[in-house]
Protein backbone atom coordinates (compact mmCIF):
# COMPACT_ATOMS: atom_id res chain seq x y z
CA MET A 1 -203.42 -103.65 -16.22
CA PRO A 2 -199.96 -104.46 -17.63
CA GLU A 3 -197.90 -107.27 -16.19
CA ASN A 4 -194.16 -106.70 -15.72
CA LYS A 5 -194.66 -102.96 -15.21
CA GLN A 6 -192.10 -100.63 -16.74
CA LEU A 7 -192.58 -97.15 -15.33
CA ALA A 8 -192.43 -93.86 -17.25
CA ILE A 9 -192.58 -90.51 -15.42
CA LEU A 10 -194.23 -87.56 -17.21
CA PHE A 11 -194.16 -83.89 -16.15
CA PRO A 12 -196.72 -81.36 -17.47
CA GLY A 13 -195.97 -77.88 -18.78
CA GLN A 14 -197.70 -74.56 -19.41
CA GLY A 15 -201.48 -74.88 -19.46
CA SER A 16 -201.55 -77.24 -16.47
CA GLN A 17 -201.38 -74.46 -13.87
CA GLU A 18 -204.42 -74.05 -11.59
CA PRO A 19 -205.45 -72.01 -8.54
CA GLY A 20 -204.09 -73.32 -5.24
CA MET A 21 -201.72 -75.77 -6.91
CA GLY A 22 -199.14 -77.28 -4.58
CA ARG A 23 -200.59 -75.66 -1.46
CA ASP A 24 -201.84 -78.87 0.19
CA LEU A 25 -198.43 -80.56 -0.07
CA ALA A 26 -196.50 -77.43 0.99
CA GLU A 27 -198.63 -77.01 4.12
CA TYR A 28 -198.15 -80.70 4.95
CA TRP A 29 -194.44 -81.11 4.11
CA SER A 30 -191.87 -78.44 5.00
CA ASP A 31 -189.48 -79.49 2.18
CA ALA A 32 -192.16 -78.50 -0.34
CA MET A 33 -192.75 -75.17 1.40
CA ASN A 34 -188.98 -74.53 1.35
CA LEU A 35 -188.97 -75.21 -2.41
CA TRP A 36 -191.62 -72.49 -2.89
CA LYS A 37 -189.52 -70.09 -0.83
CA LEU A 38 -186.41 -70.91 -2.89
CA GLY A 39 -188.37 -70.41 -6.11
CA GLU A 40 -189.62 -67.03 -4.90
CA LYS A 41 -186.11 -65.95 -3.99
CA ILE A 42 -184.70 -67.03 -7.37
CA SER A 43 -187.55 -65.69 -9.53
CA GLY A 44 -188.12 -62.52 -7.50
CA PHE A 45 -191.91 -63.08 -7.60
CA PRO A 46 -194.41 -63.76 -4.75
CA LEU A 47 -195.44 -67.09 -6.29
CA ARG A 48 -197.48 -68.42 -3.35
CA GLU A 49 -199.46 -65.20 -3.16
CA ILE A 50 -200.17 -65.35 -6.91
CA PHE A 51 -201.13 -69.04 -7.16
CA TRP A 52 -202.73 -69.62 -3.77
CA ASP A 53 -204.66 -66.36 -3.32
CA GLY A 54 -204.32 -64.44 -6.58
CA GLU A 55 -206.27 -63.72 -9.75
CA ALA A 56 -206.56 -66.12 -12.70
CA LYS A 57 -205.11 -63.49 -15.08
CA ASP A 58 -201.90 -63.35 -13.04
CA MET A 59 -201.68 -67.15 -12.85
CA ALA A 60 -201.74 -67.28 -16.66
CA GLN A 61 -198.68 -65.03 -16.96
CA THR A 62 -195.75 -66.98 -18.37
CA LYS A 63 -193.14 -65.32 -16.15
CA TYR A 64 -194.98 -66.43 -13.00
CA LEU A 65 -196.29 -69.82 -14.01
CA GLN A 66 -193.02 -71.29 -15.32
CA PRO A 67 -191.22 -71.25 -11.95
CA ALA A 68 -194.44 -72.00 -10.00
CA LEU A 69 -195.45 -75.04 -12.05
CA THR A 70 -191.90 -76.40 -11.91
CA ILE A 71 -192.01 -76.09 -8.11
CA VAL A 72 -195.28 -78.06 -7.96
CA ASN A 73 -193.97 -80.79 -10.28
CA LEU A 74 -190.73 -81.16 -8.33
CA SER A 75 -192.42 -81.02 -4.90
CA LEU A 76 -194.66 -83.94 -5.85
CA TRP A 77 -191.71 -85.82 -7.38
CA LEU A 78 -189.49 -85.39 -4.32
CA PHE A 79 -192.35 -86.48 -2.05
CA ILE A 80 -193.05 -89.75 -3.87
CA LYS A 81 -189.81 -90.73 -5.62
CA ASP A 82 -188.55 -93.06 -2.88
CA LYS A 83 -191.89 -94.87 -2.75
CA LEU A 84 -191.92 -95.78 -6.42
CA SER A 85 -191.81 -99.45 -7.28
CA PRO A 86 -190.63 -100.42 -9.80
CA SER A 87 -188.07 -97.62 -10.29
CA PRO A 88 -188.69 -95.43 -13.35
CA LEU A 89 -187.02 -96.49 -16.59
CA PHE A 90 -188.25 -93.59 -18.76
CA MET A 91 -188.84 -89.86 -18.28
CA ALA A 92 -190.29 -87.00 -20.30
CA GLY A 93 -191.77 -83.55 -19.80
CA HIS A 94 -194.10 -81.58 -22.04
CA SER A 95 -192.44 -78.26 -23.07
CA LEU A 96 -191.77 -76.48 -19.74
CA GLY A 97 -192.17 -79.89 -18.03
CA GLU A 98 -188.96 -81.02 -19.71
CA PHE A 99 -187.02 -78.95 -17.16
CA SER A 100 -188.70 -80.91 -14.33
CA ALA A 101 -187.55 -84.11 -16.05
CA LEU A 102 -183.97 -82.78 -16.29
CA CYS A 103 -184.01 -82.06 -12.56
CA ALA A 104 -185.72 -85.32 -11.53
CA SER A 105 -183.19 -87.29 -13.58
CA LYS A 106 -180.28 -85.36 -12.00
CA VAL A 107 -179.10 -83.73 -15.24
CA LEU A 108 -179.44 -80.37 -13.43
CA ASN A 109 -179.74 -79.57 -9.72
CA ILE A 110 -182.85 -77.92 -8.25
CA GLU A 111 -181.40 -74.42 -7.94
CA ASP A 112 -180.09 -74.33 -11.53
CA THR A 113 -183.42 -75.69 -12.80
CA LEU A 114 -185.37 -72.93 -11.02
CA LYS A 115 -182.94 -70.30 -12.35
CA LEU A 116 -183.44 -71.58 -15.90
CA VAL A 117 -187.24 -71.76 -15.81
CA SER A 118 -187.45 -68.32 -14.17
CA LEU A 119 -185.35 -66.79 -16.95
CA ARG A 120 -187.19 -68.82 -19.61
CA GLY A 121 -190.53 -67.50 -18.37
CA ARG A 122 -189.33 -63.90 -18.46
CA LEU A 123 -187.72 -64.25 -21.90
CA MET A 124 -190.80 -65.89 -23.42
CA ALA A 125 -193.06 -63.21 -21.95
CA GLU A 126 -190.81 -60.46 -23.36
CA ALA A 127 -190.61 -62.16 -26.77
CA GLY A 128 -194.39 -61.96 -27.07
CA GLN A 129 -194.69 -58.27 -26.18
CA ASP A 130 -194.81 -57.11 -29.79
CA GLY A 131 -198.20 -58.82 -30.11
CA ASN A 132 -197.33 -60.36 -33.51
CA GLY A 133 -197.28 -63.96 -32.33
CA GLN A 134 -200.23 -66.24 -31.71
CA MET A 135 -201.07 -69.91 -31.13
CA ALA A 136 -204.16 -72.02 -31.76
CA ALA A 137 -205.24 -75.57 -31.01
CA ILE A 138 -206.47 -77.49 -34.04
CA LEU A 139 -208.83 -80.28 -33.00
CA LYS A 140 -210.57 -83.25 -34.65
CA LEU A 141 -208.25 -83.34 -37.67
CA ASN A 142 -205.45 -85.83 -38.35
CA GLN A 143 -201.76 -84.96 -38.63
CA GLU A 144 -201.63 -85.12 -42.43
CA THR A 145 -204.57 -82.70 -42.80
CA VAL A 146 -203.15 -80.25 -40.24
CA GLU A 147 -199.70 -80.27 -41.86
CA GLU A 148 -201.30 -79.69 -45.29
CA LEU A 149 -203.34 -76.75 -43.91
CA VAL A 150 -200.18 -75.26 -42.35
CA LYS A 151 -198.30 -75.52 -45.64
CA GLU A 152 -201.20 -73.99 -47.58
CA THR A 153 -201.63 -71.14 -45.06
CA ARG A 154 -197.91 -70.35 -45.06
CA GLN A 155 -197.90 -70.12 -48.86
CA GLU A 156 -201.03 -67.93 -48.93
CA THR A 157 -199.83 -65.43 -46.33
CA GLY A 158 -196.05 -65.63 -46.77
CA GLN A 159 -195.78 -65.53 -42.98
CA GLU A 160 -194.50 -67.85 -40.25
CA ILE A 161 -196.73 -70.74 -39.16
CA LEU A 162 -195.84 -74.28 -38.10
CA VAL A 163 -197.13 -77.19 -36.04
CA ALA A 164 -195.73 -76.35 -32.60
CA ASN A 165 -197.20 -79.27 -30.63
CA TYR A 166 -197.98 -82.79 -31.79
CA ASN A 167 -200.12 -83.54 -28.72
CA THR A 168 -202.44 -86.39 -29.75
CA PRO A 169 -203.57 -87.88 -33.10
CA ALA A 170 -206.50 -85.41 -33.06
CA GLN A 171 -204.99 -82.43 -31.19
CA PHE A 172 -202.28 -80.20 -32.60
CA VAL A 173 -201.15 -76.68 -31.75
CA VAL A 174 -200.01 -74.25 -34.42
CA SER A 175 -197.81 -71.25 -33.76
CA GLY A 176 -196.70 -68.21 -35.76
CA HIS A 177 -197.77 -64.78 -36.93
CA ALA A 178 -201.31 -63.67 -36.06
CA GLU A 179 -202.59 -63.50 -39.67
CA PRO A 180 -201.87 -67.14 -40.64
CA ILE A 181 -203.01 -68.40 -37.22
CA ASN A 182 -206.38 -66.67 -37.58
CA LEU A 183 -206.68 -67.96 -41.14
CA ILE A 184 -205.97 -71.59 -40.22
CA VAL A 185 -208.62 -71.45 -37.49
CA LYS A 186 -211.15 -70.65 -40.24
CA LYS A 187 -209.72 -73.29 -42.58
CA ALA A 188 -210.00 -75.98 -39.86
CA LYS A 189 -213.75 -75.42 -39.73
CA THR A 190 -214.11 -76.03 -43.48
CA GLN A 191 -212.41 -79.42 -42.95
CA LYS A 192 -214.92 -80.31 -40.18
CA GLY A 193 -212.30 -79.66 -37.53
CA ARG A 194 -212.09 -76.96 -34.90
CA GLY A 195 -209.60 -74.18 -34.27
CA VAL A 196 -209.31 -72.46 -30.89
CA LEU A 197 -207.07 -69.44 -30.28
CA LEU A 198 -204.95 -69.95 -27.14
CA PRO A 199 -204.51 -67.32 -24.41
CA VAL A 200 -200.72 -67.19 -24.59
CA SER A 201 -198.36 -64.24 -24.81
CA GLY A 202 -196.48 -65.24 -27.96
CA ALA A 203 -195.69 -67.75 -30.70
CA PHE A 204 -194.02 -70.37 -28.51
CA HIS A 205 -192.10 -73.29 -30.07
CA SER A 206 -191.55 -71.37 -33.30
CA PRO A 207 -188.65 -69.46 -34.93
CA MET A 208 -190.25 -66.29 -33.50
CA MET A 209 -188.66 -67.31 -30.17
CA GLU A 210 -185.15 -67.26 -31.69
CA GLY A 211 -183.88 -64.24 -29.73
CA ALA A 212 -185.18 -65.63 -26.42
CA ALA A 213 -183.74 -69.07 -27.19
CA LYS A 214 -180.25 -67.63 -27.85
CA GLU A 215 -180.38 -65.70 -24.57
CA LEU A 216 -181.42 -68.82 -22.64
CA ALA A 217 -178.74 -70.93 -24.36
CA LYS A 218 -176.05 -68.49 -23.18
CA PHE A 219 -177.33 -68.82 -19.62
CA MET A 220 -177.53 -72.65 -19.93
CA ALA A 221 -173.84 -72.76 -20.81
CA LYS A 222 -172.96 -71.60 -17.27
CA PHE A 223 -174.35 -74.72 -15.61
CA GLU A 224 -172.99 -78.21 -15.16
CA TRP A 225 -174.95 -80.81 -17.12
CA HIS A 226 -174.81 -84.48 -16.11
CA ALA A 227 -175.86 -87.73 -17.77
CA PRO A 228 -179.46 -88.55 -16.76
CA LYS A 229 -179.99 -91.20 -14.07
CA VAL A 230 -183.19 -92.13 -15.93
CA PRO A 231 -183.28 -91.84 -19.75
CA ILE A 232 -185.15 -88.72 -20.91
CA TYR A 233 -187.11 -88.54 -24.17
CA PHE A 234 -186.87 -85.05 -25.64
CA ASN A 235 -189.50 -82.73 -27.15
CA ALA A 236 -187.33 -81.55 -30.04
CA THR A 237 -186.41 -85.06 -31.24
CA GLY A 238 -189.10 -87.42 -29.93
CA GLN A 239 -186.28 -89.75 -28.85
CA LYS A 240 -184.15 -90.43 -25.78
CA GLU A 241 -180.70 -88.94 -25.28
CA LEU A 242 -178.11 -89.82 -22.62
CA ASP A 243 -175.12 -87.66 -23.60
CA PRO A 244 -175.12 -84.44 -21.47
CA ALA A 245 -173.42 -82.38 -24.21
CA LYS A 246 -176.11 -83.42 -26.73
CA ILE A 247 -178.84 -82.83 -24.13
CA LYS A 248 -177.62 -79.25 -23.64
CA GLU A 249 -177.64 -78.73 -27.42
CA ILE A 250 -181.19 -80.15 -27.71
CA MET A 251 -182.42 -77.94 -24.87
CA ALA A 252 -180.82 -74.87 -26.48
CA ARG A 253 -183.27 -75.22 -29.40
CA GLN A 254 -186.27 -76.44 -27.41
CA MET A 255 -187.92 -73.01 -27.40
CA THR A 256 -187.92 -72.75 -31.21
CA SER A 257 -188.59 -76.42 -31.97
CA SER A 258 -191.88 -78.33 -32.20
CA VAL A 259 -192.96 -80.55 -29.29
CA TYR A 260 -193.12 -84.10 -30.63
CA TRP A 261 -195.26 -85.49 -27.82
CA ILE A 262 -197.06 -88.19 -29.84
CA GLN A 263 -193.67 -89.48 -30.97
CA ILE A 264 -192.29 -89.44 -27.38
CA ILE A 265 -195.15 -91.50 -25.95
CA ARG A 266 -195.00 -93.99 -28.83
CA ALA A 267 -191.20 -94.28 -28.46
CA ILE A 268 -191.49 -94.96 -24.70
CA PHE A 269 -194.19 -97.58 -25.34
CA SER A 270 -192.13 -99.13 -28.13
CA ASP A 271 -189.15 -99.33 -25.75
CA GLY A 272 -191.24 -101.21 -23.17
CA GLY A 273 -192.88 -98.45 -21.11
CA ASN A 274 -196.38 -99.54 -20.07
CA GLN A 275 -197.08 -97.70 -16.80
CA PHE A 276 -197.31 -93.90 -17.20
CA LEU A 277 -197.21 -91.75 -14.08
CA GLU A 278 -197.95 -88.05 -14.59
CA ILE A 279 -196.61 -85.87 -11.78
CA GLY A 280 -198.12 -82.36 -11.70
CA PRO A 281 -201.47 -80.52 -11.76
CA LYS A 282 -204.58 -81.26 -13.86
CA GLY A 283 -203.81 -84.65 -15.45
CA VAL A 284 -203.68 -83.25 -19.01
CA LEU A 285 -200.85 -85.56 -20.13
CA SER A 286 -202.58 -88.63 -18.70
CA ARG A 287 -205.53 -88.03 -21.01
CA MET A 288 -203.15 -87.51 -23.94
CA VAL A 289 -201.40 -90.84 -23.30
CA GLY A 290 -204.74 -92.64 -23.43
CA GLN A 291 -205.53 -91.03 -26.79
CA ILE A 292 -202.06 -91.61 -28.28
CA LEU A 293 -202.02 -95.28 -27.27
CA ALA A 294 -205.77 -95.88 -27.75
CA ASP A 295 -205.13 -99.07 -29.75
CA ASP A 296 -203.08 -100.51 -26.89
CA LYS A 297 -205.08 -99.27 -23.90
CA ASP A 298 -205.40 -102.79 -22.44
CA LYS A 299 -201.58 -103.00 -22.31
CA ILE A 300 -200.98 -99.77 -20.36
CA GLU A 301 -201.77 -98.15 -17.02
CA VAL A 302 -201.97 -94.36 -16.63
CA ILE A 303 -201.92 -92.63 -13.22
CA SER A 304 -202.10 -88.90 -12.44
CA ILE A 305 -200.53 -87.52 -9.25
CA ALA A 306 -201.73 -83.91 -8.96
CA THR A 307 -202.34 -83.41 -5.23
CA LEU A 308 -201.21 -84.59 -1.79
CA GLU A 309 -204.22 -86.92 -1.70
CA ASP A 310 -203.23 -88.43 -5.06
CA THR A 311 -199.82 -89.45 -3.64
CA GLN A 312 -201.64 -92.21 -1.73
CA LYS A 313 -202.11 -94.00 -5.08
CA ILE A 314 -198.40 -94.90 -4.98
């Protein structure tokens, strides 16, 4: 357990959605229920019906889960933020979760955040409709080996493939055209690693999202961006940024850029962060933090707040 706690807030992204998420808090706290209603009005989708009583296949749809997961993250944040001690000194969100961080740190207001993630979800879903894009998790191999396999596969096929997510020292996600993605899954096995195709609708965090990213950037330009109240560490750079103009520019390329999550967690730790509080369903990021900072696990504390019951840990 670290002494002199310095708190970092983390928000999860796509892949952390689960059935019934956010229902317990919404039925207990009217502000959370009102946030669901606002999200439904902005997105135009019956989000509570889908995530509280719907089918798993619908919950996996990008256009639904992006606003819904953001609502869950922000509901939990708003419920606990005034109880936090010490106050957060660092913030980050994984991919979609970065928009929750922007809102929690007051860079964007709640309504604008929900408008952005609703459009982002629709654009990303549409960008994947041609069926050419795919993603895969590459497990049990180190960064150098994965990057070498990506380079080799790109040269062999002449098609787009890159490391889209640097999640942990033994978990990476690759994104690109279907042919190189399928090939690298086979190559991973020959290196005693493992490749798993992901059930996503497109090649996220790759240049194949360029059209969607430009569309979102145009929409982003309409909103007022403020300096963060708590420093945010960004996916596309792995570093913190405080200038709202630069933040807007970074976020404009977030959809086509890799997610440098390993680098973010190491940068926060290097800057003094030693208590990591994940706010959102499943606790995926909490496990990642433990793996990224495995050599320093006695110096850190990691807490996951995924449900109403979990908020009692604060």
